[in-house]
Amino acid sequence: MLVVPRNVYVPMLSWLTQKMSNSSSSAADDDAHLDEVPDGAGCTEIWEHLSDGRDDD
């Protein structure tokens, strides 16, 4: 098991958090392809929705 010292991972996580906060895309942009999938849909419904989208391309 790899053990990373706290003085290494805390600055790394801080940098990553700042980098993600300054990112131009939002969570809404990342999930836009799932807008038409109903809440509570399972893996099969999501797969079918994504597959239908690929067929249209």
C-alpha atoms as a PDB file:
ATOM      1  CA  MET A   1       0.000   0.000   0.000  1.00  0.00           C
ATOM      2  CA  LEU A   2       1.286   3.431  -0.951  1.00  0.00           C
ATOM      3  CA  VAL A   3       1.269   5.968   1.861  1.00  0.00           C
ATOM      4  CA  VAL A   4       1.393   9.592   0.784  1.00  0.00           C
ATOM      5  CA  PRO A   5       2.530  12.048   3.434  1.00  0.00           C
ATOM      6  CA  ARG A   6       0.017  14.713   4.460  1.00  0.00           C
ATOM      7  CA  ASN A   7       2.400  17.512   3.430  1.00  0.00           C
ATOM      8  CA  VAL A   8       2.182  16.160  -0.148  1.00  0.00           C
ATOM      9  CA  TYR A   9      -1.509  15.336  -0.637  1.00  0.00           C
ATOM     10  CA  VAL A  10      -3.020  18.385   1.106  1.00  0.00           C
ATOM     11  CA  PRO A  11      -1.354  20.896  -1.256  1.00  0.00           C
ATOM     12  CA  MET A  12      -2.164  18.635  -4.193  1.00  0.00           C
ATOM     13  CA  LEU A  13      -5.853  18.473  -3.239  1.00  0.00           C
ATOM     14  CA  SER A  14      -5.906  22.217  -2.663  1.00  0.00           C
ATOM     15  CA  TRP A  15      -4.433  22.816  -6.131  1.00  0.00           C
ATOM     16  CA  LEU A  16      -6.903  20.406  -7.726  1.00  0.00           C
ATOM     17  CA  THR A  17      -9.870  22.031  -5.966  1.00  0.00           C
ATOM     18  CA  GLN A  18      -8.780  25.482  -7.143  1.00  0.00           C
ATOM     19  CA  LYS A  19      -8.194  24.208 -10.686  1.00  0.00           C
ATOM     20  CA  MET A  20     -11.670  22.634 -10.832  1.00  0.00           C
ATOM     21  CA  SER A  21     -13.281  25.774  -9.369  1.00  0.00           C
ATOM     22  CA  ASN A  22     -11.736  27.860 -12.139  1.00  0.00           C
ATOM     23  CA  SER A  23     -12.826  25.437 -14.840  1.00  0.00           C
ATOM     24  CA  SER A  24     -15.058  26.865 -17.558  1.00  0.00           C
ATOM     25  CA  SER A  25     -17.488  23.941 -17.718  1.00  0.00           C
ATOM     26  CA  SER A  26     -20.151  23.498 -15.104  1.00  0.00           C
ATOM     27  CA  ALA A  27     -21.770  20.368 -13.730  1.00  0.00           C
ATOM     28  CA  ALA A  28     -24.878  21.251 -15.743  1.00  0.00           C
ATOM     29  CA  ASP A  29     -22.807  21.125 -18.941  1.00  0.00           C
ATOM     30  CA  ASP A  30     -21.358  17.754 -17.975  1.00  0.00           C
ATOM     31  CA  ASP A  31     -24.833  16.264 -17.400  1.00  0.00           C
ATOM     32  CA  ALA A  32     -26.616  17.855 -20.370  1.00  0.00           C
ATOM     33  CA  HIS A  33     -26.638  14.557 -22.301  1.00  0.00           C
ATOM     34  CA  LEU A  34     -28.824  13.072 -19.541  1.00  0.00           C
ATOM     35  CA  ASP A  35     -31.479  15.836 -19.480  1.00  0.00           C
ATOM     36  CA  GLU A  36     -34.130  13.603 -21.043  1.00  0.00           C
ATOM     37  CA  VAL A  37     -33.444  10.596 -18.775  1.00  0.00           C
ATOM     38  CA  PRO A  38     -36.095  10.477 -16.030  1.00  0.00           C
ATOM     39  CA  ASP A  39     -35.086  10.683 -12.375  1.00  0.00           C
ATOM     40  CA  GLY A  40     -34.731   7.220 -10.914  1.00  0.00           C
ATOM     41  CA  ALA A  41     -33.806   5.623 -14.233  1.00  0.00           C
ATOM     42  CA  GLY A  42     -31.605   2.580 -13.933  1.00  0.00           C
ATOM     43  CA  CYS A  43     -28.578   1.456 -15.901  1.00  0.00           C
ATOM     44  CA  THR A  44     -30.668  -0.040 -18.701  1.00  0.00           C
ATOM     45  CA  GLU A  45     -32.683   3.136 -19.293  1.00  0.00           C
ATOM     46  CA  ILE A  46     -29.558   5.289 -19.285  1.00  0.00           C
ATOM     47  CA  TRP A  47     -27.765   2.908 -21.662  1.00  0.00           C
ATOM     48  CA  GLU A  48     -30.757   2.908 -24.037  1.00  0.00           C
ATOM     49  CA  HIS A  49     -30.935   6.705 -23.980  1.00  0.00           C
ATOM     50  CA  LEU A  50     -27.221   7.057 -24.751  1.00  0.00           C
ATOM     51  CA  SER A  51     -27.432   4.363 -27.431  1.00  0.00           C
ATOM     52  CA  ASP A  52     -30.354   6.127 -29.124  1.00  0.00           C
ATOM     53  CA  GLY A  53     -28.310   9.339 -29.153  1.00  0.00           C
ATOM     54  CA  ARG A  54     -25.430   7.585 -30.890  1.00  0.00           C
ATOM     55  CA  ASP A  55     -27.794   6.203 -33.526  1.00  0.00           C
ATOM     56  CA  ASP A  56     -28.903   9.757 -34.355  1.00  0.00           C
ATOM     57  CA  ASP A  57     -25.309  10.902 -34.981  1.00  0.00           C
END
